[in-house]
Amino acid sequence: MGLLHGAVQTGVAAVAVRSPEAASVRPIALALLVVAALLWGAVDALRGLDGRGMQWFIAALVAGPFAGALGVVGSALLVDQTGQEALWVALTGGAAFTALLVLVPAGAGMLVGGRFAAKEPARD
């Protein structure tokens, strides 16, 4: 998820630099990230993985700073001359937003997927 978030962040920055009038890219990218986490969480629930809630919590904590650092590096190399001053912002506020953007939709996906998961028949 961190790699996906970092790549989308770099892509949105590239579109914003090259085509400033394309304001609809940011909400579309946000919706893409939400749907990806929602579906992935639902699949985990349908598969019945043990400890999936804690795994998603840890994944969100790791994805936040990783996506922030990857987004800054990607923007610096591919888009514009983003400097290291952007790294602190990406590792604090950006990381917290990314962590929530991973955790909340994945939790909703696990909830929805758990509703559709096949229940085991009661044993006597």
PDB file of N, CA and C in Angstrom:
ATOM      1  N   MET A   1       0.830  -1.192   0.000  1.00  0.00           N
ATOM      2  CA  MET A   1       0.000   0.000   0.000  1.00  0.00           C
ATOM      3  C   MET A   1       0.878   1.260   0.000  1.00  0.00           C
ATOM      4  N   GLY A   2       1.997   1.194   0.688  1.00  0.00           N
ATOM      5  CA  GLY A   2       2.888   2.352   0.708  1.00  0.00           C
ATOM      6  C   GLY A   2       3.433   2.678  -0.668  1.00  0.00           C
ATOM      7  N   LEU A   3       3.766   1.646  -1.425  1.00  0.00           N
ATOM      8  CA  LEU A   3       4.271   1.842  -2.780  1.00  0.00           C
ATOM      9  C   LEU A   3       3.185   2.449  -3.666  1.00  0.00           C
ATOM     10  N   LEU A   4       1.971   1.958  -3.545  1.00  0.00           N
ATOM     11  CA  LEU A   4       0.854   2.499  -4.326  1.00  0.00           C
ATOM     12  C   LEU A   4       0.608   3.965  -3.971  1.00  0.00           C
ATOM     13  N   HIS A   5       0.602   4.285  -2.689  1.00  0.00           N
ATOM     14  CA  HIS A   5       0.371   5.666  -2.259  1.00  0.00           C
ATOM     15  C   HIS A   5       1.478   6.596  -2.740  1.00  0.00           C
ATOM     16  N   GLY A   6       2.727   6.148  -2.640  1.00  0.00           N
ATOM     17  CA  GLY A   6       3.844   6.967  -3.110  1.00  0.00           C
ATOM     18  C   GLY A   6       3.801   7.202  -4.605  1.00  0.00           C
ATOM     19  N   ALA A   7       3.451   6.153  -5.367  1.00  0.00           N
ATOM     20  CA  ALA A   7       3.364   6.293  -6.815  1.00  0.00           C
ATOM     21  C   ALA A   7       2.221   7.223  -7.216  1.00  0.00           C
ATOM     22  N   VAL A   8       1.085   7.097  -6.557  1.00  0.00           N
ATOM     23  CA  VAL A   8      -0.047   7.969  -6.867  1.00  0.00           C
ATOM     24  C   VAL A   8       0.270   9.414  -6.488  1.00  0.00           C
ATOM     25  N   GLN A   9       0.946   9.609  -5.372  1.00  0.00           N
ATOM     26  CA  GLN A   9       1.331  10.961  -4.958  1.00  0.00           C
ATOM     27  C   GLN A   9       2.255  11.595  -5.999  1.00  0.00           C
ATOM     28  N   THR A  10       3.205  10.838  -6.504  1.00  0.00           N
ATOM     29  CA  THR A  10       4.112  11.346  -7.529  1.00  0.00           C
ATOM     30  C   THR A  10       3.352  11.625  -8.826  1.00  0.00           C
ATOM     31  N   GLY A  11       2.445  10.736  -9.197  1.00  0.00           N
ATOM     32  CA  GLY A  11       1.659  10.943 -10.408  1.00  0.00           C
ATOM     33  C   GLY A  11       0.772  12.176 -10.331  1.00  0.00           C
ATOM     34  N   VAL A  12       0.149  12.385  -9.191  1.00  0.00           N
ATOM     35  CA  VAL A  12      -0.703  13.573  -9.014  1.00  0.00           C
ATOM     36  C   VAL A  12       0.142  14.842  -9.082  1.00  0.00           C
ATOM     37  N   ALA A  13       1.335  14.808  -8.485  1.00  0.00           N
ATOM     38  CA  ALA A  13       2.220  15.971  -8.549  1.00  0.00           C
ATOM     39  C   ALA A  13       2.658  16.241  -9.989  1.00  0.00           C
ATOM     40  N   ALA A  14       2.934  15.186 -10.747  1.00  0.00           N
ATOM     41  CA  ALA A  14       3.347  15.354 -12.147  1.00  0.00           C
ATOM     42  C   ALA A  14       2.224  15.961 -12.978  1.00  0.00           C
ATOM     43  N   VAL A  15       1.011  15.493 -12.767  1.00  0.00           N
ATOM     44  CA  VAL A  15      -0.122  16.044 -13.517  1.00  0.00           C
ATOM     45  C   VAL A  15      -0.363  17.497 -13.113  1.00  0.00           C
ATOM     46  N   ALA A  16      -0.231  17.800 -11.830  1.00  0.00           N
ATOM     47  CA  ALA A  16      -0.460  19.172 -11.366  1.00  0.00           C
ATOM     48  C   ALA A  16       0.565  20.147 -11.937  1.00  0.00           C
ATOM     49  N   VAL A  17       1.796  19.687 -12.113  1.00  0.00           N
ATOM     50  CA  VAL A  17       2.834  20.556 -12.661  1.00  0.00           C
ATOM     51  C   VAL A  17       2.635  20.757 -14.158  1.00  0.00           C
ATOM     52  N   ARG A  18       2.316  19.696 -14.864  1.00  0.00           N
ATOM     53  CA  ARG A  18       2.225  19.768 -16.319  1.00  0.00           C
ATOM     54  C   ARG A  18       0.867  20.268 -16.821  1.00  0.00           C
ATOM     55  N   SER A  19      -0.168  20.097 -16.028  1.00  0.00           N
ATOM     56  CA  SER A  19      -1.499  20.507 -16.452  1.00  0.00           C
ATOM     57  C   SER A  19      -2.272  21.038 -15.250  1.00  0.00           C
ATOM     58  N   PRO A  20      -2.030  22.276 -14.847  1.00  0.00           N
ATOM     59  CA  PRO A  20      -2.657  22.824 -13.639  1.00  0.00           C
ATOM     60  C   PRO A  20      -4.179  22.888 -13.694  1.00  0.00           C
ATOM     61  N   GLU A  21      -4.763  22.923 -14.887  1.00  0.00           N
ATOM     62  CA  GLU A  21      -6.220  23.017 -14.984  1.00  0.00           C
ATOM     63  C   GLU A  21      -6.911  21.679 -14.751  1.00  0.00           C
ATOM     64  N   ALA A  22      -6.171  20.593 -14.643  1.00  0.00           N
ATOM     65  CA  ALA A  22      -6.756  19.265 -14.404  1.00  0.00           C
ATOM     66  C   ALA A  22      -6.959  19.065 -12.906  1.00  0.00           C
ATOM     67  N   ALA A  23      -7.957  19.726 -12.363  1.00  0.00           N
ATOM     68  CA  ALA A  23      -8.206  19.674 -10.920  1.00  0.00           C
ATOM     69  C   ALA A  23      -8.903  18.396 -10.487  1.00  0.00           C
ATOM     70  N   SER A  24      -9.454  17.644 -11.417  1.00  0.00           N
ATOM     71  CA  SER A  24     -10.199  16.440 -11.050  1.00  0.00           C
ATOM     72  C   SER A  24      -9.299  15.238 -10.805  1.00  0.00           C
ATOM     73  N   VAL A  25      -8.014  15.363 -11.002  1.00  0.00           N
ATOM     74  CA  VAL A  25      -7.098  14.235 -10.834  1.00  0.00           C
ATOM     75  C   VAL A  25      -6.961  13.862  -9.360  1.00  0.00           C
ATOM     76  N   ARG A  26      -6.883  14.830  -8.490  1.00  0.00           N
ATOM     77  CA  ARG A  26      -6.682  14.551  -7.066  1.00  0.00           C
ATOM     78  C   ARG A  26      -7.839  13.751  -6.447  1.00  0.00           C
ATOM     79  N   PRO A  27      -9.101  14.120  -6.657  1.00  0.00           N
ATOM     80  CA  PRO A  27     -10.191  13.299  -6.108  1.00  0.00           C
ATOM     81  C   PRO A  27     -10.269  11.902  -6.721  1.00  0.00           C
ATOM     82  N   ILE A  28      -9.935  11.793  -7.999  1.00  0.00           N
ATOM     83  CA  ILE A  28      -9.937  10.474  -8.637  1.00  0.00           C
ATOM     84  C   ILE A  28      -8.852   9.603  -8.033  1.00  0.00           C
ATOM     85  N   ALA A  29      -7.680  10.169  -7.813  1.00  0.00           N
ATOM     86  CA  ALA A  29      -6.579   9.417  -7.206  1.00  0.00           C
ATOM     87  C   ALA A  29      -6.933   9.002  -5.776  1.00  0.00           C
ATOM     88  N   LEU A  30      -7.556   9.891  -5.041  1.00  0.00           N
ATOM     89  CA  LEU A  30      -7.976   9.570  -3.674  1.00  0.00           C
ATOM     90  C   LEU A  30      -8.996   8.433  -3.677  1.00  0.00           C
ATOM     91  N   ALA A  31      -9.935   8.484  -4.604  1.00  0.00           N
ATOM     92  CA  ALA A  31     -10.933   7.416  -4.706  1.00  0.00           C
ATOM     93  C   ALA A  31     -10.277   6.090  -5.086  1.00  0.00           C
ATOM     94  N   LEU A  32      -9.287   6.124  -5.954  1.00  0.00           N
ATOM     95  CA  LEU A  32      -8.562   4.916  -6.329  1.00  0.00           C
ATOM     96  C   LEU A  32      -7.876   4.285  -5.120  1.00  0.00           C
ATOM     97  N   LEU A  33      -7.251   5.102  -4.294  1.00  0.00           N
ATOM     98  CA  LEU A  33      -6.569   4.587  -3.108  1.00  0.00           C
ATOM     99  C   LEU A  33      -7.555   4.013  -2.095  1.00  0.00           C
ATOM    100  N   VAL A  34      -8.687   4.668  -1.921  1.00  0.00           N
ATOM    101  CA  VAL A  34      -9.704   4.177  -0.991  1.00  0.00           C
ATOM    102  C   VAL A  34     -10.272   2.844  -1.473  1.00  0.00           C
ATOM    103  N   VAL A  35     -10.572   2.752  -2.753  1.00  0.00           N
ATOM    104  CA  VAL A  35     -11.123   1.508  -3.304  1.00  0.00           C
ATOM    105  C   VAL A  35     -10.115   0.373  -3.203  1.00  0.00           C
ATOM    106  N   ALA A  36      -8.833   0.655  -3.440  1.00  0.00           N
ATOM    107  CA  ALA A  36      -7.809  -0.387  -3.350  1.00  0.00           C
ATOM    108  C   ALA A  36      -7.729  -0.951  -1.934  1.00  0.00           C
ATOM    109  N   ALA A  37      -7.704  -0.084  -0.929  1.00  0.00           N
ATOM    110  CA  ALA A  37      -7.641  -0.557   0.458  1.00  0.00           C
ATOM    111  C   ALA A  37      -8.935  -1.257   0.863  1.00  0.00           C
ATOM    112  N   LEU A  38     -10.059  -0.753   0.406  1.00  0.00           N
ATOM    113  CA  LEU A  38     -11.346  -1.361   0.721  1.00  0.00           C
ATOM    114  C   LEU A  38     -11.429  -2.782   0.155  1.00  0.00           C
ATOM    115  N   LEU A  39     -11.063  -2.943  -1.100  1.00  0.00           N
ATOM    116  CA  LEU A  39     -11.111  -4.270  -1.717  1.00  0.00           C
ATOM    117  C   LEU A  39     -10.111  -5.234  -1.083  1.00  0.00           C
ATOM    118  N   TRP A  40      -8.911  -4.742  -0.792  1.00  0.00           N
ATOM    119  CA  TRP A  40      -7.890  -5.588  -0.198  1.00  0.00           C
ATOM    120  C   TRP A  40      -8.314  -6.056   1.193  1.00  0.00           C
ATOM    121  N   GLY A  41      -8.902  -5.151   1.967  1.00  0.00           N
ATOM    122  CA  GLY A  41      -9.418  -5.525   3.282  1.00  0.00           C
ATOM    123  C   GLY A  41     -10.547  -6.532   3.192  1.00  0.00           C
ATOM    124  N   ALA A  42     -11.430  -6.356   2.210  1.00  0.00           N
ATOM    125  CA  ALA A  42     -12.538  -7.297   2.025  1.00  0.00           C
ATOM    126  C   ALA A  42     -12.022  -8.674   1.622  1.00  0.00           C
ATOM    127  N   VAL A  43     -11.023  -8.718   0.771  1.00  0.00           N
ATOM    128  CA  VAL A  43     -10.447 -10.002   0.360  1.00  0.00           C
ATOM    129  C   VAL A  43      -9.800 -10.700   1.556  1.00  0.00           C
ATOM    130  N   ASP A  44      -9.104  -9.936   2.385  1.00  0.00           N
ATOM    131  CA  ASP A  44      -8.513 -10.535   3.595  1.00  0.00           C
ATOM    132  C   ASP A  44      -9.585 -11.128   4.503  1.00  0.00           C
ATOM    133  N   ALA A  45     -10.707 -10.441   4.627  1.00  0.00           N
ATOM    134  CA  ALA A  45     -11.787 -10.949   5.474  1.00  0.00           C
ATOM    135  C   ALA A  45     -12.435 -12.182   4.846  1.00  0.00           C
ATOM    136  N   LEU A  46     -12.594 -12.170   3.541  1.00  0.00           N
ATOM    137  CA  LEU A  46     -13.182 -13.327   2.863  1.00  0.00           C
ATOM    138  C   LEU A  46     -12.271 -14.550   2.964  1.00  0.00           C
ATOM    139  N   ARG A  47     -10.982 -14.324   2.952  1.00  0.00           N
ATOM    140  CA  ARG A  47     -10.034 -15.436   3.096  1.00  0.00           C
ATOM    141  C   ARG A  47      -9.943 -15.929   4.532  1.00  0.00           C
ATOM    142  N   GLY A  48     -10.420 -15.126   5.477  1.00  0.00           N
ATOM    143  CA  GLY A  48     -10.432 -15.531   6.877  1.00  0.00           C
ATOM    144  C   GLY A  48      -9.072 -15.524   7.527  1.00  0.00           C
ATOM    145  N   LEU A  49      -8.223 -14.590   7.165  1.00  0.00           N
ATOM    146  CA  LEU A  49      -6.888 -14.513   7.736  1.00  0.00           C
ATOM    147  C   LEU A  49      -6.951 -14.165   9.219  1.00  0.00           C
ATOM    148  N   ASP A  50      -6.171 -14.849  10.005  1.00  0.00           N
ATOM    149  CA  ASP A  50      -6.110 -14.567  11.444  1.00  0.00           C
ATOM    150  C   ASP A  50      -5.285 -13.312  11.694  1.00  0.00           C
ATOM    151  N   GLY A  51      -5.714 -12.486  12.605  1.00  0.00           N
ATOM    152  CA  GLY A  51      -4.975 -11.291  12.994  1.00  0.00           C
ATOM    153  C   GLY A  51      -4.923 -10.228  11.919  1.00  0.00           C
ATOM    154  N   ARG A  52      -5.892 -10.215  11.030  1.00  0.00           N
ATOM    155  CA  ARG A  52      -5.853  -9.259   9.925  1.00  0.00           C
ATOM    156  C   ARG A  52      -5.988  -7.816  10.388  1.00  0.00           C
ATOM    157  N   GLY A  53      -6.681  -7.586  11.473  1.00  0.00           N
ATOM    158  CA  GLY A  53      -6.814  -6.219  11.981  1.00  0.00           C
ATOM    159  C   GLY A  53      -5.480  -5.652  12.425  1.00  0.00           C
ATOM    160  N   MET A  54      -4.708  -6.447  13.149  1.00  0.00           N
ATOM    161  CA  MET A  54      -3.392  -5.992  13.594  1.00  0.00           C
ATOM    162  C   MET A  54      -2.431  -5.873  12.409  1.00  0.00           C
ATOM    163  N   GLN A  55      -2.558  -6.771  11.443  1.00  0.00           N
ATOM    164  CA  GLN A  55      -1.708  -6.684  10.256  1.00  0.00           C
ATOM    165  C   GLN A  55      -1.983  -5.404   9.475  1.00  0.00           C
ATOM    166  N   TRP A  56      -3.246  -5.025   9.366  1.00  0.00           N
ATOM    167  CA  TRP A  56      -3.575  -3.784   8.670  1.00  0.00           C
ATOM    168  C   TRP A  56      -3.130  -2.560   9.473  1.00  0.00           C
ATOM    169  N   PHE A  57      -3.195  -2.654  10.789  1.00  0.00           N
ATOM    170  CA  PHE A  57      -2.724  -1.552  11.631  1.00  0.00           C
ATOM    171  C   PHE A  57      -1.235  -1.333  11.415  1.00  0.00           C
ATOM    172  N   ILE A  58      -0.471  -2.416  11.436  1.00  0.00           N
ATOM    173  CA  ILE A  58       0.974  -2.311  11.221  1.00  0.00           C
ATOM    174  C   ILE A  58       1.264  -1.845   9.799  1.00  0.00           C
ATOM    175  N   ALA A  59       0.518  -2.354   8.831  1.00  0.00           N
ATOM    176  CA  ALA A  59       0.703  -1.939   7.441  1.00  0.00           C
ATOM    177  C   ALA A  59       0.445  -0.445   7.275  1.00  0.00           C
ATOM    178  N   ALA A  60      -0.553   0.080   7.965  1.00  0.00           N
ATOM    179  CA  ALA A  60      -0.843   1.513   7.881  1.00  0.00           C
ATOM    180  C   ALA A  60       0.281   2.330   8.505  1.00  0.00           C
ATOM    181  N   LEU A  61       0.818   1.852   9.620  1.00  0.00           N
ATOM    182  CA  LEU A  61       1.918   2.573  10.268  1.00  0.00           C
ATOM    183  C   LEU A  61       3.179   2.571   9.415  1.00  0.00           C
ATOM    184  N   VAL A  62       3.407   1.505   8.691  1.00  0.00           N
ATOM    185  CA  VAL A  62       4.582   1.426   7.825  1.00  0.00           C
ATOM    186  C   VAL A  62       4.338   2.193   6.522  1.00  0.00           C
ATOM    187  N   ALA A  63       3.144   2.077   5.978  1.00  0.00           N
ATOM    188  CA  ALA A  63       2.833   2.709   4.692  1.00  0.00           C
ATOM    189  C   ALA A  63       2.895   4.232   4.774  1.00  0.00           C
ATOM    190  N   GLY A  64       2.542   4.812   5.909  1.00  0.00           N
ATOM    191  CA  GLY A  64       2.544   6.272   6.033  1.00  0.00           C
ATOM    192  C   GLY A  64       3.892   6.900   5.757  1.00  0.00           C
ATOM    193  N   PRO A  65       4.908   6.598   6.568  1.00  0.00           N
ATOM    194  CA  PRO A  65       6.222   7.204   6.319  1.00  0.00           C
ATOM    195  C   PRO A  65       6.862   6.732   5.008  1.00  0.00           C
ATOM    196  N   PHE A  66       6.641   5.465   4.651  1.00  0.00           N
ATOM    197  CA  PHE A  66       7.223   4.951   3.408  1.00  0.00           C
ATOM    198  C   PHE A  66       6.663   5.683   2.204  1.00  0.00           C
ATOM    199  N   ALA A  67       5.351   5.860   2.163  1.00  0.00           N
ATOM    200  CA  ALA A  67       4.726   6.565   1.046  1.00  0.00           C
ATOM    201  C   ALA A  67       5.154   8.031   1.013  1.00  0.00           C
ATOM    202  N   GLY A  68       5.279   8.640   2.182  1.00  0.00           N
ATOM    203  CA  GLY A  68       5.729  10.027   2.221  1.00  0.00           C
ATOM    204  C   GLY A  68       7.136  10.197   1.675  1.00  0.00           C
ATOM    205  N   ALA A  69       8.047   9.340   2.126  1.00  0.00           N
ATOM    206  CA  ALA A  69       9.425   9.411   1.645  1.00  0.00           C
ATOM    207  C   ALA A  69       9.495   9.086   0.154  1.00  0.00           C
ATOM    208  N   LEU A  70       8.755   8.072  -0.276  1.00  0.00           N
ATOM    209  CA  LEU A  70       8.754   7.691  -1.685  1.00  0.00           C
ATOM    210  C   LEU A  70       8.158   8.798  -2.548  1.00  0.00           C
ATOM    211  N   GLY A  71       7.122   9.456  -2.064  1.00  0.00           N
ATOM    212  CA  GLY A  71       6.527  10.558  -2.810  1.00  0.00           C
ATOM    213  C   GLY A  71       7.469  11.733  -2.966  1.00  0.00           C
ATOM    214  N   VAL A  72       8.223  12.048  -1.919  1.00  0.00           N
ATOM    215  CA  VAL A  72       9.188  13.152  -1.998  1.00  0.00           C
ATOM    216  C   VAL A  72      10.319  12.798  -2.951  1.00  0.00           C
ATOM    217  N   VAL A  73      10.834  11.572  -2.831  1.00  0.00           N
ATOM    218  CA  VAL A  73      11.913  11.144  -3.724  1.00  0.00           C
ATOM    219  C   VAL A  73      11.426  11.091  -5.170  1.00  0.00           C
ATOM    220  N   GLY A  74      10.242  10.536  -5.387  1.00  0.00           N
ATOM    221  CA  GLY A  74       9.696  10.477  -6.738  1.00  0.00           C
ATOM    222  C   GLY A  74       9.451  11.857  -7.328  1.00  0.00           C
ATOM    223  N   SER A  75       8.941  12.762  -6.516  1.00  0.00           N
ATOM    224  CA  SER A  75       8.712  14.126  -7.000  1.00  0.00           C
ATOM    225  C   SER A  75      10.026  14.832  -7.299  1.00  0.00           C
ATOM    226  N   ALA A  76      11.033  14.608  -6.472  1.00  0.00           N
ATOM    227  CA  ALA A  76      12.334  15.244  -6.690  1.00  0.00           C
ATOM    228  C   ALA A  76      13.003  14.721  -7.958  1.00  0.00           C
ATOM    229  N   LEU A  77      12.872  13.431  -8.209  1.00  0.00           N
ATOM    230  CA  LEU A  77      13.544  12.847  -9.370  1.00  0.00           C
ATOM    231  C   LEU A  77      12.771  13.008 -10.672  1.00  0.00           C
ATOM    232  N   LEU A  78      11.448  12.907 -10.608  1.00  0.00           N
ATOM    233  CA  LEU A  78      10.660  12.833 -11.834  1.00  0.00           C
ATOM    234  C   LEU A  78       9.842  14.070 -12.162  1.00  0.00           C
ATOM    235  N   VAL A  79       9.505  14.875 -11.175  1.00  0.00           N
ATOM    236  CA  VAL A  79       8.550  15.957 -11.430  1.00  0.00           C
ATOM    237  C   VAL A  79       9.215  17.321 -11.407  1.00  0.00           C
ATOM    238  N   ASP A  80       9.683  17.731 -10.267  1.00  0.00           N
ATOM    239  CA  ASP A  80      10.266  19.052 -10.117  1.00  0.00           C
ATOM    240  C   ASP A  80      11.470  18.958  -9.192  1.00  0.00           C
ATOM    241  N   GLN A  81      11.915  20.049  -8.694  1.00  0.00           N
ATOM    242  CA  GLN A  81      13.090  20.064  -7.833  1.00  0.00           C
ATOM    243  C   GLN A  81      12.681  20.132  -6.370  1.00  0.00           C
ATOM    244  N   THR A  82      11.883  19.181  -5.957  1.00  0.00           N
ATOM    245  CA  THR A  82      11.472  19.098  -4.557  1.00  0.00           C
ATOM    246  C   THR A  82      12.706  18.826  -3.721  1.00  0.00           C
ATOM    247  N   GLY A  83      12.864  19.594  -2.662  1.00  0.00           N
ATOM    248  CA  GLY A  83      14.044  19.448  -1.818  1.00  0.00           C
ATOM    249  C   GLY A  83      13.738  18.679  -0.554  1.00  0.00           C
ATOM    250  N   GLN A  84      14.759  18.532   0.266  1.00  0.00           N
ATOM    251  CA  GLN A  84      14.603  17.767   1.494  1.00  0.00           C
ATOM    252  C   GLN A  84      13.727  18.478   2.517  1.00  0.00           C
ATOM    253  N   GLU A  85      13.418  19.738   2.309  1.00  0.00           N
ATOM    254  CA  GLU A  85      12.525  20.441   3.229  1.00  0.00           C
ATOM    255  C   GLU A  85      11.114  19.866   3.171  1.00  0.00           C
ATOM    256  N   ALA A  86      10.750  19.249   2.067  1.00  0.00           N
ATOM    257  CA  ALA A  86       9.427  18.624   1.942  1.00  0.00           C
ATOM    258  C   ALA A  86       9.353  17.287   2.668  1.00  0.00           C
ATOM    259  N   LEU A  87      10.497  16.728   3.012  1.00  0.00           N
ATOM    260  CA  LEU A  87      10.523  15.409   3.641  1.00  0.00           C
ATOM    261  C   LEU A  87       9.895  15.430   5.032  1.00  0.00           C
ATOM    262  N   TRP A  88      10.160  16.458   5.827  1.00  0.00           N
ATOM    263  CA  TRP A  88       9.621  16.521   7.182  1.00  0.00           C
ATOM    264  C   TRP A  88       8.094  16.586   7.163  1.00  0.00           C
ATOM    265  N   VAL A  89       7.549  17.360   6.269  1.00  0.00           N
ATOM    266  CA  VAL A  89       6.093  17.455   6.147  1.00  0.00           C
ATOM    267  C   VAL A  89       5.512  16.106   5.725  1.00  0.00           C
ATOM    268  N   ALA A  90       6.179  15.437   4.788  1.00  0.00           N
ATOM    269  CA  ALA A  90       5.700  14.141   4.305  1.00  0.00           C
ATOM    270  C   ALA A  90       5.783  13.070   5.384  1.00  0.00           C
ATOM    271  N   LEU A  91       6.767  13.157   6.265  1.00  0.00           N
ATOM    272  CA  LEU A  91       6.941  12.141   7.303  1.00  0.00           C
ATOM    273  C   LEU A  91       6.097  12.396   8.546  1.00  0.00           C
ATOM    274  N   THR A  92       5.466  13.536   8.634  1.00  0.00           N
ATOM    275  CA  THR A  92       4.615  13.818   9.800  1.00  0.00           C
ATOM    276  C   THR A  92       3.147  13.855   9.383  1.00  0.00           C
ATOM    277  N   GLY A  93       2.697  14.972   8.902  1.00  0.00           N
ATOM    278  CA  GLY A  93       1.285  15.120   8.536  1.00  0.00           C
ATOM    279  C   GLY A  93       0.882  14.247   7.369  1.00  0.00           C
ATOM    280  N   GLY A  94       1.723  14.165   6.358  1.00  0.00           N
ATOM    281  CA  GLY A  94       1.421  13.322   5.207  1.00  0.00           C
ATOM    282  C   GLY A  94       1.368  11.851   5.581  1.00  0.00           C
ATOM    283  N   ALA A  95       2.275  11.434   6.457  1.00  0.00           N
ATOM    284  CA  ALA A  95       2.289  10.031   6.894  1.00  0.00           C
ATOM    285  C   ALA A  95       1.052   9.695   7.715  1.00  0.00           C
ATOM    286  N   ALA A  96       0.625  10.618   8.552  1.00  0.00           N
ATOM    287  CA  ALA A  96      -0.577  10.371   9.357  1.00  0.00           C
ATOM    288  C   ALA A  96      -1.813  10.269   8.463  1.00  0.00           C
ATOM    289  N   PHE A  97      -1.908  11.142   7.469  1.00  0.00           N
ATOM    290  CA  PHE A  97      -3.043  11.079   6.547  1.00  0.00           C
ATOM    291  C   PHE A  97      -3.024   9.780   5.750  1.00  0.00           C
ATOM    292  N   THR A  98      -1.844   9.379   5.282  1.00  0.00           N
ATOM    293  CA  THR A  98      -1.730   8.137   4.525  1.00  0.00           C
ATOM    294  C   THR A  98      -2.086   6.932   5.388  1.00  0.00           C
ATOM    295  N   ALA A  99      -1.636   6.940   6.635  1.00  0.00           N
ATOM    296  CA  ALA A  99      -1.957   5.824   7.532  1.00  0.00           C
ATOM    297  C   ALA A  99      -3.469   5.701   7.719  1.00  0.00           C
ATOM    298  N   LEU A 100      -4.143   6.819   7.895  1.00  0.00           N
ATOM    299  CA  LEU A 100      -5.603   6.780   8.010  1.00  0.00           C
ATOM    300  C   LEU A 100      -6.256   6.378   6.693  1.00  0.00           C
ATOM    301  N   LEU A 101      -5.656   6.794   5.590  1.00  0.00           N
ATOM    302  CA  LEU A 101      -6.198   6.459   4.279  1.00  0.00           C
ATOM    303  C   LEU A 101      -6.013   4.982   3.956  1.00  0.00           C
ATOM    304  N   VAL A 102      -5.125   4.320   4.652  1.00  0.00           N
ATOM    305  CA  VAL A 102      -4.967   2.872   4.516  1.00  0.00           C
ATOM    306  C   VAL A 102      -5.871   2.155   5.517  1.00  0.00           C
ATOM    307  N   LEU A 103      -5.845   2.594   6.767  1.00  0.00           N
ATOM    308  CA  LEU A 103      -6.500   1.865   7.850  1.00  0.00           C
ATOM    309  C   LEU A 103      -8.033   1.931   7.793  1.00  0.00           C
ATOM    310  N   VAL A 104      -8.592   3.088   7.569  1.00  0.00           N
ATOM    311  CA  VAL A 104     -10.052   3.246   7.618  1.00  0.00           C
ATOM    312  C   VAL A 104     -10.750   2.480   6.482  1.00  0.00           C
ATOM    313  N   PRO A 105     -10.329   2.633   5.213  1.00  0.00           N
ATOM    314  CA  PRO A 105     -11.003   1.839   4.181  1.00  0.00           C
ATOM    315  C   PRO A 105     -10.754   0.337   4.321  1.00  0.00           C
ATOM    316  N   ALA A 106      -9.557  -0.048   4.768  1.00  0.00           N
ATOM    317  CA  ALA A 106      -9.285  -1.475   4.960  1.00  0.00           C
ATOM    318  C   ALA A 106     -10.171  -2.035   6.072  1.00  0.00           C
ATOM    319  N   GLY A 107     -10.364  -1.264   7.126  1.00  0.00           N
ATOM    320  CA  GLY A 107     -11.265  -1.697   8.196  1.00  0.00           C
ATOM    321  C   GLY A 107     -12.693  -1.837   7.707  1.00  0.00           C
ATOM    322  N   ALA A 108     -13.125  -0.890   6.893  1.00  0.00           N
ATOM    323  CA  ALA A 108     -14.469  -0.990   6.325  1.00  0.00           C
ATOM    324  C   ALA A 108     -14.571  -2.199   5.399  1.00  0.00           C
ATOM    325  N   GLY A 109     -13.520  -2.444   4.637  1.00  0.00           N
ATOM    326  CA  GLY A 109     -13.500  -3.610   3.761  1.00  0.00           C
ATOM    327  C   GLY A 109     -13.536  -4.912   4.538  1.00  0.00           C
ATOM    328  N   MET A 110     -12.805  -4.960   5.655  1.00  0.00           N
ATOM    329  CA  MET A 110     -12.840  -6.167   6.486  1.00  0.00           C
ATOM    330  C   MET A 110     -14.225  -6.371   7.091  1.00  0.00           C
ATOM    331  N   LEU A 111     -14.875  -5.285   7.450  1.00  0.00           N
ATOM    332  CA  LEU A 111     -16.223  -5.371   7.990  1.00  0.00           C
ATOM    333  C   LEU A 111     -17.195  -5.906   6.936  1.00  0.00           C
ATOM    334  N   VAL A 112     -17.133  -5.347   5.751  1.00  0.00           N
ATOM    335  CA  VAL A 112     -18.022  -5.786   4.670  1.00  0.00           C
ATOM    336  C   VAL A 112     -17.675  -7.215   4.244  1.00  0.00           C
ATOM    337  N   GLY A 113     -16.397  -7.512   4.105  1.00  0.00           N
ATOM    338  CA  GLY A 113     -15.979  -8.848   3.720  1.00  0.00           C
ATOM    339  C   GLY A 113     -16.341  -9.888   4.758  1.00  0.00           C
ATOM    340  N   GLY A 114     -16.297  -9.509   6.032  1.00  0.00           N
ATOM    341  CA  GLY A 114     -16.685 -10.425   7.096  1.00  0.00           C
ATOM    342  C   GLY A 114     -18.165 -10.755   7.061  1.00  0.00           C
ATOM    343  N   ARG A 115     -18.968  -9.836   6.589  1.00  0.00           N
ATOM    344  CA  ARG A 115     -20.410 -10.088   6.462  1.00  0.00           C
ATOM    345  C   ARG A 115     -20.706 -11.109   5.359  1.00  0.00           C
ATOM    346  N   PHE A 116     -19.884 -11.080   4.305  1.00  0.00           N
ATOM    347  CA  PHE A 116     -20.101 -11.981   3.188  1.00  0.00           C
ATOM    348  C   PHE A 116     -19.354 -13.305   3.326  1.00  0.00           C
ATOM    349  N   ALA A 117     -18.450 -13.393   4.288  1.00  0.00           N
ATOM    350  CA  ALA A 117     -17.673 -14.621   4.453  1.00  0.00           C
ATOM    351  C   ALA A 117     -18.605 -15.764   4.825  1.00  0.00           C
ATOM    352  N   ALA A 118     -18.289 -16.918   4.334  1.00  0.00           N
ATOM    353  CA  ALA A 118     -19.112 -18.110   4.610  1.00  0.00           C
ATOM    354  C   ALA A 118     -18.974 -18.483   6.074  1.00  0.00           C
ATOM    355  N   LYS A 119     -20.090 -18.609   6.717  1.00  0.00           N
ATOM    356  CA  LYS A 119     -20.096 -18.995   8.127  1.00  0.00           C
ATOM    357  C   LYS A 119     -19.992 -20.515   8.227  1.00  0.00           C
ATOM    358  N   GLU A 120     -19.233 -20.990   9.197  1.00  0.00           N
ATOM    359  CA  GLU A 120     -19.131 -22.424   9.411  1.00  0.00           C
ATOM    360  C   GLU A 120     -20.416 -22.928  10.065  1.00  0.00           C
ATOM    361  N   PRO A 121     -20.869 -24.109   9.676  1.00  0.00           N
ATOM    362  CA  PRO A 121     -22.085 -24.632  10.310  1.00  0.00           C
ATOM    363  C   PRO A 121     -21.822 -24.973  11.773  1.00  0.00           C
ATOM    364  N   ALA A 122     -22.845 -24.803  12.571  1.00  0.00           N
ATOM    365  CA  ALA A 122     -22.713 -25.058  14.003  1.00  0.00           C
ATOM    366  C   ALA A 122     -22.486 -26.553  14.238  1.00  0.00           C
ATOM    367  N   ARG A 123     -21.531 -26.851  15.099  1.00  0.00           N
ATOM    368  CA  ARG A 123     -21.222 -28.252  15.421  1.00  0.00           C
ATOM    369  C   ARG A 123     -21.906 -28.639  16.712  1.00  0.00           C
ATOM    370  N   ASP A 124     -22.450 -29.814  16.727  1.00  0.00           N
ATOM    371  CA  ASP A 124     -23.151 -30.285  17.919  1.00  0.00           C
ATOM    372  C   ASP A 124     -22.228 -30.983  18.871  1.00  0.00           C
TER     373      ASP A 124
END
